[in-house]
Amino acid sequence: MAEKRKAEVASKIQRVDIRKVWENEAKDFTPWLENNIDVLSDALDTISLVSAESEGAAGSFSVDLIAEDDDGNAVIIENQLEKSNHEHLGKLITYLTSVEAKTAIWITPDPRPEHIKAVSWLNESYAASFYLFKVEAIRIDDSQPAPLLTQIVGPSEESRQAGKTKKELGERHTLREKFWTGLLEAAKKETKLHAKISPTAYNWVGTSVGVKGLAYNYTVRKHDARVELYIDRGKGFTDWNRGTFERLQKSRQSIEKAFGGTLDWQELEGKQACRITKEIATGGYRDDESEWPDIYRDMIGNMINFEKAFRPHIKKLKSESSK
């Protein structure tokens, strides 16, 4: 009995040169797939294919195969029997848009890493679903070669969500840069403090106070903003940062009196930096753009008062650092 079991598992799967099975892509592989579309359908994890026609028209081009899913929607299938290339990726997208399909399938025996990444990126959009399959031919012992289709990339809720997050992040960066452009233009009319600063996509813009490790920053969030003195000379200077913060904090009463209100003194426990801030509750970059001028006015006014309140103390630090 043991010998029989051993014999049963002695066979091995062998891979066959795909060109010995389908010598020509157009004359051999595409017709075979058209007649055996169920093989591809079985390999798909989210849709089923019910029919396929070869050389469908896509404008002045011809698609390898146009299939249909269960709902009757067109599915573009692009085949190639060599390593994936840019030409076939371009064809896939061109054919998809030409026939207004929602699904495209690319089959190749050797998908390049950059094309796997490209198809994954395409799936981050809700515009269409893209599949990339690896095709192989296998046999067991002396059996006839059989097709093996392996899905390398396909659409998923995770990829859609990643695309949505990237889009939101891009929109956020664009909006913040627009916000900073308006703020810095308005600030130039009132103070030279940030006159040489360019707008960025980040949530802050800042300028050095003339002492290494100290900067006057504007920061903005969705619905609020702040002005701050940020203290951070860099890695290895935590003690200097803390010492400078504590020194300024000893003059807190006079600084807040000169500013005309209370400030938030943040030692930022667990971090190397410290900061002293004033929150601007008027609004942030996500508020109605018609409200931005009022937000700018509050931010700039507070920054001007902020700089004046700290000026004599910063002057002392400058004179000491130059010695």
C-alpha atoms as a PDB file:
ATOM      1  CA  MET A   1       0.000   0.000   0.000  1.00  0.00           C
ATOM      2  CA  ALA A   2       2.859   2.360   0.895  1.00  0.00           C
ATOM      3  CA  GLU A   3       4.495   1.638  -2.465  1.00  0.00           C
ATOM      4  CA  LYS A   4       1.252   2.503  -4.249  1.00  0.00           C
ATOM      5  CA  ARG A   5       1.019   5.878  -2.451  1.00  0.00           C
ATOM      6  CA  LYS A   6       4.614   6.617  -3.391  1.00  0.00           C
ATOM      7  CA  ALA A   7       3.828   5.935  -7.032  1.00  0.00           C
ATOM      8  CA  GLU A   8       0.774   8.174  -6.902  1.00  0.00           C
ATOM      9  CA  VAL A   9       2.840  11.239  -5.957  1.00  0.00           C
ATOM     10  CA  ALA A  10       5.811  10.528  -8.208  1.00  0.00           C
ATOM     11  CA  SER A  11       4.471  12.691 -11.064  1.00  0.00           C
ATOM     12  CA  LYS A  12       5.620  16.286 -11.322  1.00  0.00           C
ATOM     13  CA  ILE A  13       4.219  19.339 -13.022  1.00  0.00           C
ATOM     14  CA  GLN A  14       6.493  20.454 -15.848  1.00  0.00           C
ATOM     15  CA  ARG A  15       6.401  23.801 -17.588  1.00  0.00           C
ATOM     16  CA  VAL A  16       6.342  23.767 -21.366  1.00  0.00           C
ATOM     17  CA  ASP A  17       7.737  26.458 -23.646  1.00  0.00           C
ATOM     18  CA  ILE A  18       4.653  28.482 -24.435  1.00  0.00           C
ATOM     19  CA  ARG A  19       5.682  28.928 -28.086  1.00  0.00           C
ATOM     20  CA  LYS A  20       5.582  25.146 -28.520  1.00  0.00           C
ATOM     21  CA  VAL A  21       1.922  25.219 -27.550  1.00  0.00           C
ATOM     22  CA  TRP A  22       0.851  28.432 -29.254  1.00  0.00           C
ATOM     23  CA  GLU A  23       3.396  29.347 -31.882  1.00  0.00           C
ATOM     24  CA  ASN A  24       1.695  32.565 -32.967  1.00  0.00           C
ATOM     25  CA  GLU A  25      -0.272  34.955 -30.783  1.00  0.00           C
ATOM     26  CA  ALA A  26      -2.832  36.044 -33.396  1.00  0.00           C
ATOM     27  CA  LYS A  27      -3.179  32.749 -35.275  1.00  0.00           C
ATOM     28  CA  ASP A  28      -2.957  30.322 -32.358  1.00  0.00           C
ATOM     29  CA  PHE A  29      -3.374  31.752 -28.884  1.00  0.00           C
ATOM     30  CA  THR A  30      -6.162  34.273 -29.514  1.00  0.00           C
ATOM     31  CA  PRO A  31      -8.398  31.770 -31.385  1.00  0.00           C
ATOM     32  CA  TRP A  32      -7.778  29.188 -28.662  1.00  0.00           C
ATOM     33  CA  LEU A  33      -8.779  31.676 -25.934  1.00  0.00           C
ATOM     34  CA  GLU A  34     -11.876  32.713 -27.899  1.00  0.00           C
ATOM     35  CA  ASN A  35     -13.016  29.078 -27.980  1.00  0.00           C
ATOM     36  CA  ASN A  36     -12.015  28.437 -24.377  1.00  0.00           C
ATOM     37  CA  ILE A  37     -13.030  31.673 -22.684  1.00  0.00           C
ATOM     38  CA  ASP A  38     -14.280  29.623 -19.740  1.00  0.00           C
ATOM     39  CA  VAL A  39     -10.635  28.930 -18.766  1.00  0.00           C
ATOM     40  CA  LEU A  40     -10.052  32.655 -18.280  1.00  0.00           C
ATOM     41  CA  SER A  41     -13.456  33.098 -16.658  1.00  0.00           C
ATOM     42  CA  ASP A  42     -12.623  30.414 -14.075  1.00  0.00           C
ATOM     43  CA  ALA A  43      -9.374  32.238 -13.240  1.00  0.00           C
ATOM     44  CA  LEU A  44     -11.129  35.552 -12.572  1.00  0.00           C
ATOM     45  CA  ASP A  45     -12.033  36.199  -8.957  1.00  0.00           C
ATOM     46  CA  THR A  46     -14.759  38.835  -9.296  1.00  0.00           C
ATOM     47  CA  ILE A  47     -16.462  38.532 -12.704  1.00  0.00           C
ATOM     48  CA  SER A  48     -17.530  35.837 -15.155  1.00  0.00           C
ATOM     49  CA  LEU A  49     -17.130  35.929 -18.928  1.00  0.00           C
ATOM     50  CA  VAL A  50     -19.942  34.568 -21.048  1.00  0.00           C
ATOM     51  CA  SER A  51     -18.741  35.123 -24.621  1.00  0.00           C
ATOM     52  CA  ALA A  52     -15.800  36.367 -26.655  1.00  0.00           C
ATOM     53  CA  GLU A  53     -15.214  37.615 -30.193  1.00  0.00           C
ATOM     54  CA  SER A  54     -11.837  38.105 -31.842  1.00  0.00           C
ATOM     55  CA  GLU A  55     -10.546  41.186 -33.644  1.00  0.00           C
ATOM     56  CA  GLY A  56     -13.303  43.485 -32.481  1.00  0.00           C
ATOM     57  CA  ALA A  57     -13.198  47.012 -33.877  1.00  0.00           C
ATOM     58  CA  ALA A  58     -11.949  49.852 -31.681  1.00  0.00           C
ATOM     59  CA  GLY A  59     -11.929  52.835 -33.995  1.00  0.00           C
ATOM     60  CA  SER A  60      -9.210  52.169 -36.577  1.00  0.00           C
ATOM     61  CA  PHE A  61      -7.658  49.471 -34.332  1.00  0.00           C
ATOM     62  CA  SER A  62      -8.550  45.818 -33.768  1.00  0.00           C
ATOM     63  CA  VAL A  63      -8.877  44.368 -30.282  1.00  0.00           C
ATOM     64  CA  ASP A  64      -7.566  40.834 -29.717  1.00  0.00           C
ATOM     65  CA  LEU A  65     -10.794  39.804 -27.977  1.00  0.00           C
ATOM     66  CA  ILE A  66     -13.935  41.533 -26.756  1.00  0.00           C
ATOM     67  CA  ALA A  67     -15.849  39.471 -24.222  1.00  0.00           C
ATOM     68  CA  GLU A  68     -18.917  40.178 -22.100  1.00  0.00           C
ATOM     69  CA  ASP A  69     -19.533  39.789 -18.402  1.00  0.00           C
ATOM     70  CA  ASP A  70     -22.763  38.489 -16.840  1.00  0.00           C
ATOM     71  CA  ASP A  71     -24.347  41.940 -17.104  1.00  0.00           C
ATOM     72  CA  GLY A  72     -23.530  42.304 -20.791  1.00  0.00           C
ATOM     73  CA  ASN A  73     -20.724  44.828 -20.268  1.00  0.00           C
ATOM     74  CA  ALA A  74     -17.810  44.773 -22.699  1.00  0.00           C
ATOM     75  CA  VAL A  75     -14.498  43.325 -21.478  1.00  0.00           C
ATOM     76  CA  ILE A  76     -11.305  44.077 -23.440  1.00  0.00           C
ATOM     77  CA  ILE A  77      -8.714  41.285 -23.619  1.00  0.00           C
ATOM     78  CA  GLU A  78      -5.215  42.027 -24.903  1.00  0.00           C
ATOM     79  CA  ASN A  79      -2.857  39.085 -25.473  1.00  0.00           C
ATOM     80  CA  GLN A  80       0.864  38.824 -26.045  1.00  0.00           C
ATOM     81  CA  LEU A  81       3.216  35.843 -25.991  1.00  0.00           C
ATOM     82  CA  GLU A  82       6.360  37.672 -24.916  1.00  0.00           C
ATOM     83  CA  LYS A  83       7.493  39.849 -22.028  1.00  0.00           C
ATOM     84  CA  SER A  84       5.024  42.649 -21.305  1.00  0.00           C
ATOM     85  CA  ASN A  85       5.822  45.948 -22.995  1.00  0.00           C
ATOM     86  CA  HIS A  86       4.646  49.539 -23.122  1.00  0.00           C
ATOM     87  CA  GLU A  87       3.026  49.059 -26.529  1.00  0.00           C
ATOM     88  CA  HIS A  88       0.540  46.505 -25.241  1.00  0.00           C
ATOM     89  CA  LEU A  89      -0.196  48.570 -22.138  1.00  0.00           C
ATOM     90  CA  GLY A  90      -0.992  51.502 -24.430  1.00  0.00           C
ATOM     91  CA  LYS A  91      -3.201  49.300 -26.596  1.00  0.00           C
ATOM     92  CA  LEU A  92      -5.064  48.051 -23.537  1.00  0.00           C
ATOM     93  CA  ILE A  93      -5.982  51.581 -22.424  1.00  0.00           C
ATOM     94  CA  THR A  94      -6.715  52.778 -25.968  1.00  0.00           C
ATOM     95  CA  TYR A  95      -9.064  49.877 -26.688  1.00  0.00           C
ATOM     96  CA  LEU A  96     -10.788  50.238 -23.330  1.00  0.00           C
ATOM     97  CA  THR A  97     -11.655  53.885 -23.937  1.00  0.00           C
ATOM     98  CA  SER A  98     -12.529  53.328 -27.606  1.00  0.00           C
ATOM     99  CA  VAL A  99     -15.278  50.812 -26.876  1.00  0.00           C
ATOM    100  CA  GLU A 100     -16.181  52.439 -23.526  1.00  0.00           C
ATOM    101  CA  ALA A 101     -15.577  49.192 -21.635  1.00  0.00           C
ATOM    102  CA  LYS A 102     -15.302  49.040 -17.845  1.00  0.00           C
ATOM    103  CA  THR A 103     -12.956  46.056 -17.647  1.00  0.00           C
ATOM    104  CA  ALA A 104      -9.644  45.272 -19.351  1.00  0.00           C
ATOM    105  CA  ILE A 105      -7.587  42.058 -19.151  1.00  0.00           C
ATOM    106  CA  TRP A 106      -3.929  41.815 -20.189  1.00  0.00           C
ATOM    107  CA  ILE A 107      -2.417  38.346 -20.654  1.00  0.00           C
ATOM    108  CA  THR A 108       1.342  37.788 -20.927  1.00  0.00           C
ATOM    109  CA  PRO A 109       3.792  35.006 -19.999  1.00  0.00           C
ATOM    110  CA  ASP A 110       6.268  37.441 -18.453  1.00  0.00           C
ATOM    111  CA  PRO A 111       4.791  40.533 -16.730  1.00  0.00           C
ATOM    112  CA  ARG A 112       7.475  43.139 -15.970  1.00  0.00           C
ATOM    113  CA  PRO A 113       7.522  44.609 -12.428  1.00  0.00           C
ATOM    114  CA  GLU A 114       6.942  48.115 -13.782  1.00  0.00           C
ATOM    115  CA  HIS A 115       3.830  46.943 -15.649  1.00  0.00           C
ATOM    116  CA  ILE A 116       2.519  45.168 -12.549  1.00  0.00           C
ATOM    117  CA  LYS A 117       2.931  48.472 -10.733  1.00  0.00           C
ATOM    118  CA  ALA A 118       1.258  50.383 -13.574  1.00  0.00           C
ATOM    119  CA  VAL A 119      -1.803  48.115 -13.601  1.00  0.00           C
ATOM    120  CA  SER A 120      -2.025  48.346  -9.809  1.00  0.00           C
ATOM    121  CA  TRP A 121      -1.984  52.131 -10.142  1.00  0.00           C
ATOM    122  CA  LEU A 122      -4.727  52.048 -12.784  1.00  0.00           C
ATOM    123  CA  ASN A 123      -6.894  50.096 -10.348  1.00  0.00           C
ATOM    124  CA  GLU A 124      -6.743  52.949  -7.848  1.00  0.00           C
ATOM    125  CA  SER A 125      -9.293  54.717 -10.033  1.00  0.00           C
ATOM    126  CA  TYR A 126     -12.998  53.903 -10.135  1.00  0.00           C
ATOM    127  CA  ALA A 127     -13.023  54.555 -13.902  1.00  0.00           C
ATOM    128  CA  ALA A 128     -12.358  50.915 -14.865  1.00  0.00           C
ATOM    129  CA  SER A 129     -11.093  47.552 -13.607  1.00  0.00           C
ATOM    130  CA  PHE A 130      -7.770  46.193 -14.860  1.00  0.00           C
ATOM    131  CA  TYR A 131      -6.502  42.620 -14.656  1.00  0.00           C
ATOM    132  CA  LEU A 132      -3.014  41.359 -15.416  1.00  0.00           C
ATOM    133  CA  PHE A 133      -2.632  37.598 -15.957  1.00  0.00           C
ATOM    134  CA  LYS A 134       0.413  35.431 -16.381  1.00  0.00           C
ATOM    135  CA  VAL A 135      -0.108  32.617 -18.907  1.00  0.00           C
ATOM    136  CA  GLU A 136       1.912  29.393 -18.801  1.00  0.00           C
ATOM    137  CA  ALA A 137       1.679  25.929 -20.303  1.00  0.00           C
ATOM    138  CA  ILE A 138       2.163  22.909 -18.066  1.00  0.00           C
ATOM    139  CA  ARG A 139       2.017  19.117 -18.322  1.00  0.00           C
ATOM    140  CA  ILE A 140       2.211  16.168 -15.975  1.00  0.00           C
ATOM    141  CA  ASP A 141       4.587  13.498 -17.219  1.00  0.00           C
ATOM    142  CA  ASP A 142       3.661  12.832 -20.862  1.00  0.00           C
ATOM    143  CA  SER A 143       0.230  14.462 -20.778  1.00  0.00           C
ATOM    144  CA  GLN A 144      -0.906  17.025 -23.304  1.00  0.00           C
ATOM    145  CA  PRO A 145       0.068  20.628 -22.354  1.00  0.00           C
ATOM    146  CA  ALA A 146      -2.568  22.481 -20.375  1.00  0.00           C
ATOM    147  CA  PRO A 147      -2.978  26.258 -19.885  1.00  0.00           C
ATOM    148  CA  LEU A 148      -2.285  27.854 -16.512  1.00  0.00           C
ATOM    149  CA  LEU A 149      -3.602  31.385 -16.009  1.00  0.00           C
ATOM    150  CA  THR A 150      -2.542  33.145 -12.811  1.00  0.00           C
ATOM    151  CA  GLN A 151      -3.957  36.502 -11.794  1.00  0.00           C
ATOM    152  CA  ILE A 152      -1.079  38.843 -10.909  1.00  0.00           C
ATOM    153  CA  VAL A 153      -3.072  42.055 -10.407  1.00  0.00           C
ATOM    154  CA  GLY A 154      -6.778  42.764 -10.158  1.00  0.00           C
ATOM    155  CA  PRO A 155      -9.069  45.445  -8.764  1.00  0.00           C
ATOM    156  CA  SER A 156      -9.831  45.469  -5.034  1.00  0.00           C
ATOM    157  CA  GLU A 157     -11.519  47.679  -2.484  1.00  0.00           C
ATOM    158  CA  GLU A 158      -8.107  48.258  -0.919  1.00  0.00           C
ATOM    159  CA  SER A 159      -6.674  49.618  -4.180  1.00  0.00           C
ATOM    160  CA  ARG A 160      -9.741  51.823  -4.696  1.00  0.00           C
ATOM    161  CA  GLN A 161      -9.390  53.194  -1.179  1.00  0.00           C
ATOM    162  CA  ALA A 162      -5.686  53.830  -1.743  1.00  0.00           C
ATOM    163  CA  GLY A 163      -6.531  55.760  -4.888  1.00  0.00           C
ATOM    164  CA  LYS A 164      -9.161  57.774  -3.044  1.00  0.00           C
ATOM    165  CA  THR A 165      -6.680  58.603  -0.287  1.00  0.00           C
ATOM    166  CA  LYS A 166      -4.037  59.703  -2.797  1.00  0.00           C
ATOM    167  CA  LYS A 167      -6.584  61.889  -4.566  1.00  0.00           C
ATOM    168  CA  GLU A 168      -7.641  63.516  -1.309  1.00  0.00           C
ATOM    169  CA  LEU A 169      -4.010  64.063  -0.375  1.00  0.00           C
ATOM    170  CA  GLY A 170      -3.307  65.673  -3.744  1.00  0.00           C
ATOM    171  CA  GLU A 171      -6.331  67.934  -3.396  1.00  0.00           C
ATOM    172  CA  ARG A 172      -5.232  68.865   0.127  1.00  0.00           C
ATOM    173  CA  HIS A 173      -1.747  69.807  -1.081  1.00  0.00           C
ATOM    174  CA  THR A 174      -3.146  71.885  -3.939  1.00  0.00           C
ATOM    175  CA  LEU A 175      -5.549  73.704  -1.643  1.00  0.00           C
ATOM    176  CA  ARG A 176      -2.878  74.417   0.988  1.00  0.00           C
ATOM    177  CA  GLU A 177      -0.487  75.797  -1.610  1.00  0.00           C
ATOM    178  CA  LYS A 178      -3.240  78.086  -2.837  1.00  0.00           C
ATOM    179  CA  PHE A 179      -3.938  79.152   0.759  1.00  0.00           C
ATOM    180  CA  TRP A 180      -0.269  79.975   1.399  1.00  0.00           C
ATOM    181  CA  THR A 181      -0.005  81.897  -1.880  1.00  0.00           C
ATOM    182  CA  GLY A 182      -2.793  84.218  -0.767  1.00  0.00           C
ATOM    183  CA  LEU A 183      -1.473  84.561   2.781  1.00  0.00           C
ATOM    184  CA  LEU A 184       2.092  85.408   1.774  1.00  0.00           C
ATOM    185  CA  GLU A 185       0.913  87.966  -0.787  1.00  0.00           C
ATOM    186  CA  ALA A 186      -1.262  89.622   1.852  1.00  0.00           C
ATOM    187  CA  ALA A 187       1.530  89.461   4.451  1.00  0.00           C
ATOM    188  CA  LYS A 188       3.998  91.308   2.196  1.00  0.00           C
ATOM    189  CA  LYS A 189       1.772  94.383   2.447  1.00  0.00           C
ATOM    190  CA  GLU A 190       2.025  94.408   6.243  1.00  0.00           C
ATOM    191  CA  THR A 191       5.458  93.018   7.165  1.00  0.00           C
ATOM    192  CA  LYS A 192       8.731  91.908   5.579  1.00  0.00           C
ATOM    193  CA  LEU A 193       9.019  88.955   7.954  1.00  0.00           C
ATOM    194  CA  HIS A 194       8.017  86.270   5.409  1.00  0.00           C
ATOM    195  CA  ALA A 195       8.573  88.329   2.258  1.00  0.00           C
ATOM    196  CA  LYS A 196      11.168  85.931   0.817  1.00  0.00           C
ATOM    197  CA  ILE A 197       9.221  82.749   1.557  1.00  0.00           C
ATOM    198  CA  SER A 198       7.527  80.758  -1.231  1.00  0.00           C
ATOM    199  CA  PRO A 199       4.233  78.885  -0.829  1.00  0.00           C
ATOM    200  CA  THR A 200       4.416  75.113  -0.313  1.00  0.00           C
ATOM    201  CA  ALA A 201       2.024  72.160  -0.129  1.00  0.00           C
ATOM    202  CA  TYR A 202       2.902  71.534   3.524  1.00  0.00           C
ATOM    203  CA  ASN A 203       0.843  72.617   6.519  1.00  0.00           C
ATOM    204  CA  TRP A 204       3.386  75.241   7.528  1.00  0.00           C
ATOM    205  CA  VAL A 205       5.594  78.012   6.149  1.00  0.00           C
ATOM    206  CA  GLY A 206       8.298  79.671   8.195  1.00  0.00           C
ATOM    207  CA  THR A 207      11.301  81.948   8.330  1.00  0.00           C
ATOM    208  CA  SER A 208      14.375  82.002  10.534  1.00  0.00           C
ATOM    209  CA  VAL A 209      14.486  84.619  13.294  1.00  0.00           C
ATOM    210  CA  GLY A 210      18.239  85.040  12.795  1.00  0.00           C
ATOM    211  CA  VAL A 211      19.237  82.477  15.426  1.00  0.00           C
ATOM    212  CA  LYS A 212      19.937  78.928  14.278  1.00  0.00           C
ATOM    213  CA  GLY A 213      17.158  76.641  15.476  1.00  0.00           C
ATOM    214  CA  LEU A 214      14.488  79.332  15.866  1.00  0.00           C
ATOM    215  CA  ALA A 215      11.764  80.075  13.304  1.00  0.00           C
ATOM    216  CA  TYR A 216       8.563  82.079  13.072  1.00  0.00           C
ATOM    217  CA  ASN A 217       6.006  79.741  11.485  1.00  0.00           C
ATOM    218  CA  TYR A 218       2.505  79.998  10.169  1.00  0.00           C
ATOM    219  CA  THR A 219       0.683  76.659  10.360  1.00  0.00           C
ATOM    220  CA  VAL A 220      -2.761  75.773   9.092  1.00  0.00           C
ATOM    221  CA  ARG A 221      -5.179  72.868   9.468  1.00  0.00           C
ATOM    222  CA  LYS A 222      -8.630  72.260   8.021  1.00  0.00           C
ATOM    223  CA  HIS A 223     -10.509  74.708  10.209  1.00  0.00           C
ATOM    224  CA  ASP A 224      -7.945  76.541  12.313  1.00  0.00           C
ATOM    225  CA  ALA A 225      -4.439  77.952  12.148  1.00  0.00           C
ATOM    226  CA  ARG A 226      -1.709  79.307  14.404  1.00  0.00           C
ATOM    227  CA  VAL A 227       1.429  81.404  14.564  1.00  0.00           C
ATOM    228  CA  GLU A 228       4.379  80.047  16.473  1.00  0.00           C
ATOM    229  CA  LEU A 229       7.992  80.330  17.509  1.00  0.00           C
ATOM    230  CA  TYR A 230       9.430  76.890  16.738  1.00  0.00           C
ATOM    231  CA  ILE A 231      12.529  75.832  18.612  1.00  0.00           C
ATOM    232  CA  ASP A 232      14.561  73.030  17.052  1.00  0.00           C
ATOM    233  CA  ARG A 233      18.274  73.182  16.303  1.00  0.00           C
ATOM    234  CA  GLY A 234      18.201  69.595  15.087  1.00  0.00           C
ATOM    235  CA  LYS A 235      19.264  66.135  16.132  1.00  0.00           C
ATOM    236  CA  GLY A 236      21.562  66.126  19.133  1.00  0.00           C
ATOM    237  CA  PHE A 237      20.454  69.548  20.371  1.00  0.00           C
ATOM    238  CA  THR A 238      17.546  68.547  22.590  1.00  0.00           C
ATOM    239  CA  ASP A 239      19.197  70.128  25.622  1.00  0.00           C
ATOM    240  CA  TRP A 240      19.715  73.403  23.739  1.00  0.00           C
ATOM    241  CA  ASN A 241      16.102  73.367  22.603  1.00  0.00           C
ATOM    242  CA  ARG A 242      14.821  72.768  26.131  1.00  0.00           C
ATOM    243  CA  GLY A 243      17.196  75.342  27.609  1.00  0.00           C
ATOM    244  CA  THR A 244      16.104  78.034  25.138  1.00  0.00           C
ATOM    245  CA  PHE A 245      12.443  77.254  25.745  1.00  0.00           C
ATOM    246  CA  GLU A 246      12.871  77.440  29.527  1.00  0.00           C
ATOM    247  CA  ARG A 247      14.793  80.694  29.264  1.00  0.00           C
ATOM    248  CA  LEU A 248      12.029  82.319  27.240  1.00  0.00           C
ATOM    249  CA  GLN A 249       9.405  80.865  29.563  1.00  0.00           C
ATOM    250  CA  LYS A 250      10.988  82.730  32.480  1.00  0.00           C
ATOM    251  CA  SER A 251       9.950  85.933  30.665  1.00  0.00           C
ATOM    252  CA  ARG A 252       6.468  84.598  29.905  1.00  0.00           C
ATOM    253  CA  GLN A 253       4.643  87.334  31.786  1.00  0.00           C
ATOM    254  CA  SER A 254       6.386  90.188  29.969  1.00  0.00           C
ATOM    255  CA  ILE A 255       6.139  88.439  26.589  1.00  0.00           C
ATOM    256  CA  GLU A 256       2.402  87.816  26.903  1.00  0.00           C
ATOM    257  CA  LYS A 257       1.864  91.369  28.139  1.00  0.00           C
ATOM    258  CA  ALA A 258       3.658  92.739  25.072  1.00  0.00           C
ATOM    259  CA  PHE A 259       1.711  90.367  22.827  1.00  0.00           C
ATOM    260  CA  GLY A 260      -1.604  91.358  24.363  1.00  0.00           C
ATOM    261  CA  GLY A 261      -2.872  87.913  25.312  1.00  0.00           C
ATOM    262  CA  THR A 262      -1.968  84.463  26.558  1.00  0.00           C
ATOM    263  CA  LEU A 263       0.191  82.076  24.524  1.00  0.00           C
ATOM    264  CA  ASP A 264       0.399  78.292  24.531  1.00  0.00           C
ATOM    265  CA  TRP A 265       3.830  77.155  25.778  1.00  0.00           C
ATOM    266  CA  GLN A 266       4.421  73.613  24.529  1.00  0.00           C
ATOM    267  CA  GLU A 267       7.495  71.703  25.655  1.00  0.00           C
ATOM    268  CA  LEU A 268       6.389  68.781  23.415  1.00  0.00           C
ATOM    269  CA  GLU A 269       7.299  65.970  25.778  1.00  0.00           C
ATOM    270  CA  GLY A 270       8.975  63.059  24.026  1.00  0.00           C
ATOM    271  CA  LYS A 271      10.144  65.201  21.098  1.00  0.00           C
ATOM    272  CA  GLN A 272      13.338  67.137  20.598  1.00  0.00           C
ATOM    273  CA  ALA A 273      11.558  70.362  19.587  1.00  0.00           C
ATOM    274  CA  CYS A 274       9.537  72.914  21.594  1.00  0.00           C
ATOM    275  CA  ARG A 275       7.183  75.658  20.470  1.00  0.00           C
ATOM    276  CA  ILE A 276       5.278  78.679  21.672  1.00  0.00           C
ATOM    277  CA  THR A 277       2.026  79.251  19.787  1.00  0.00           C
ATOM    278  CA  LYS A 278      -1.091  81.337  19.372  1.00  0.00           C
ATOM    279  CA  GLU A 279      -4.102  79.556  17.881  1.00  0.00           C
ATOM    280  CA  ILE A 280      -6.147  81.386  15.256  1.00  0.00           C
ATOM    281  CA  ALA A 281      -9.732  80.141  15.525  1.00  0.00           C
ATOM    282  CA  THR A 282     -11.063  82.179  12.588  1.00  0.00           C
ATOM    283  CA  GLY A 283     -10.719  79.217  10.227  1.00  0.00           C
ATOM    284  CA  GLY A 284      -8.403  77.108   8.067  1.00  0.00           C
ATOM    285  CA  TYR A 285      -7.722  76.051   4.486  1.00  0.00           C
ATOM    286  CA  ARG A 286     -10.883  73.916   4.237  1.00  0.00           C
ATOM    287  CA  ASP A 287     -13.177  76.819   5.014  1.00  0.00           C
ATOM    288  CA  ASP A 288     -14.941  78.802   2.280  1.00  0.00           C
ATOM    289  CA  GLU A 289     -12.307  80.606   0.208  1.00  0.00           C
ATOM    290  CA  SER A 290     -14.365  83.778   0.507  1.00  0.00           C
ATOM    291  CA  GLU A 291     -13.459  83.665   4.210  1.00  0.00           C
ATOM    292  CA  TRP A 292      -9.721  83.345   3.602  1.00  0.00           C
ATOM    293  CA  PRO A 293      -9.056  87.139   3.619  1.00  0.00           C
ATOM    294  CA  ASP A 294     -10.433  87.349   7.184  1.00  0.00           C
ATOM    295  CA  ILE A 295      -8.326  84.348   8.209  1.00  0.00           C
ATOM    296  CA  TYR A 296      -5.261  85.958   6.613  1.00  0.00           C
ATOM    297  CA  ARG A 297      -5.943  89.191   8.482  1.00  0.00           C
ATOM    298  CA  ASP A 298      -6.032  87.420  11.844  1.00  0.00           C
ATOM    299  CA  MET A 299      -2.956  85.324  11.107  1.00  0.00           C
ATOM    300  CA  ILE A 300      -0.861  88.249   9.900  1.00  0.00           C
ATOM    301  CA  GLY A 301      -1.967  90.536  12.732  1.00  0.00           C
ATOM    302  CA  ASN A 302      -1.118  87.924  15.328  1.00  0.00           C
ATOM    303  CA  MET A 303       2.253  87.207  13.681  1.00  0.00           C
ATOM    304  CA  ILE A 304       3.171  90.904  13.749  1.00  0.00           C
ATOM    305  CA  ASN A 305       2.283  91.170  17.455  1.00  0.00           C
ATOM    306  CA  PHE A 306       3.995  87.853  18.093  1.00  0.00           C
ATOM    307  CA  GLU A 307       7.278  88.999  16.538  1.00  0.00           C
ATOM    308  CA  LYS A 308       7.203  92.334  18.404  1.00  0.00           C
ATOM    309  CA  ALA A 309       6.640  90.591  21.747  1.00  0.00           C
ATOM    310  CA  PHE A 310       9.601  88.264  21.234  1.00  0.00           C
ATOM    311  CA  ARG A 311      11.892  90.805  19.545  1.00  0.00           C
ATOM    312  CA  PRO A 312      13.918  91.958  22.606  1.00  0.00           C
ATOM    313  CA  HIS A 313      14.356  88.385  23.818  1.00  0.00           C
ATOM    314  CA  ILE A 314      15.446  87.143  20.408  1.00  0.00           C
ATOM    315  CA  LYS A 315      17.870  90.083  20.217  1.00  0.00           C
ATOM    316  CA  LYS A 316      19.561  88.869  23.411  1.00  0.00           C
ATOM    317  CA  LEU A 317      19.871  85.357  22.005  1.00  0.00           C
ATOM    318  CA  LYS A 318      21.379  86.743  18.788  1.00  0.00           C
ATOM    319  CA  SER A 319      24.017  88.769  20.633  1.00  0.00           C
ATOM    320  CA  GLU A 320      24.967  85.766  22.751  1.00  0.00           C
ATOM    321  CA  SER A 321      25.172  83.391  19.795  1.00  0.00           C
ATOM    322  CA  SER A 322      27.501  85.775  17.948  1.00  0.00           C
ATOM    323  CA  LYS A 323      30.033  85.818  20.802  1.00  0.00           C
END
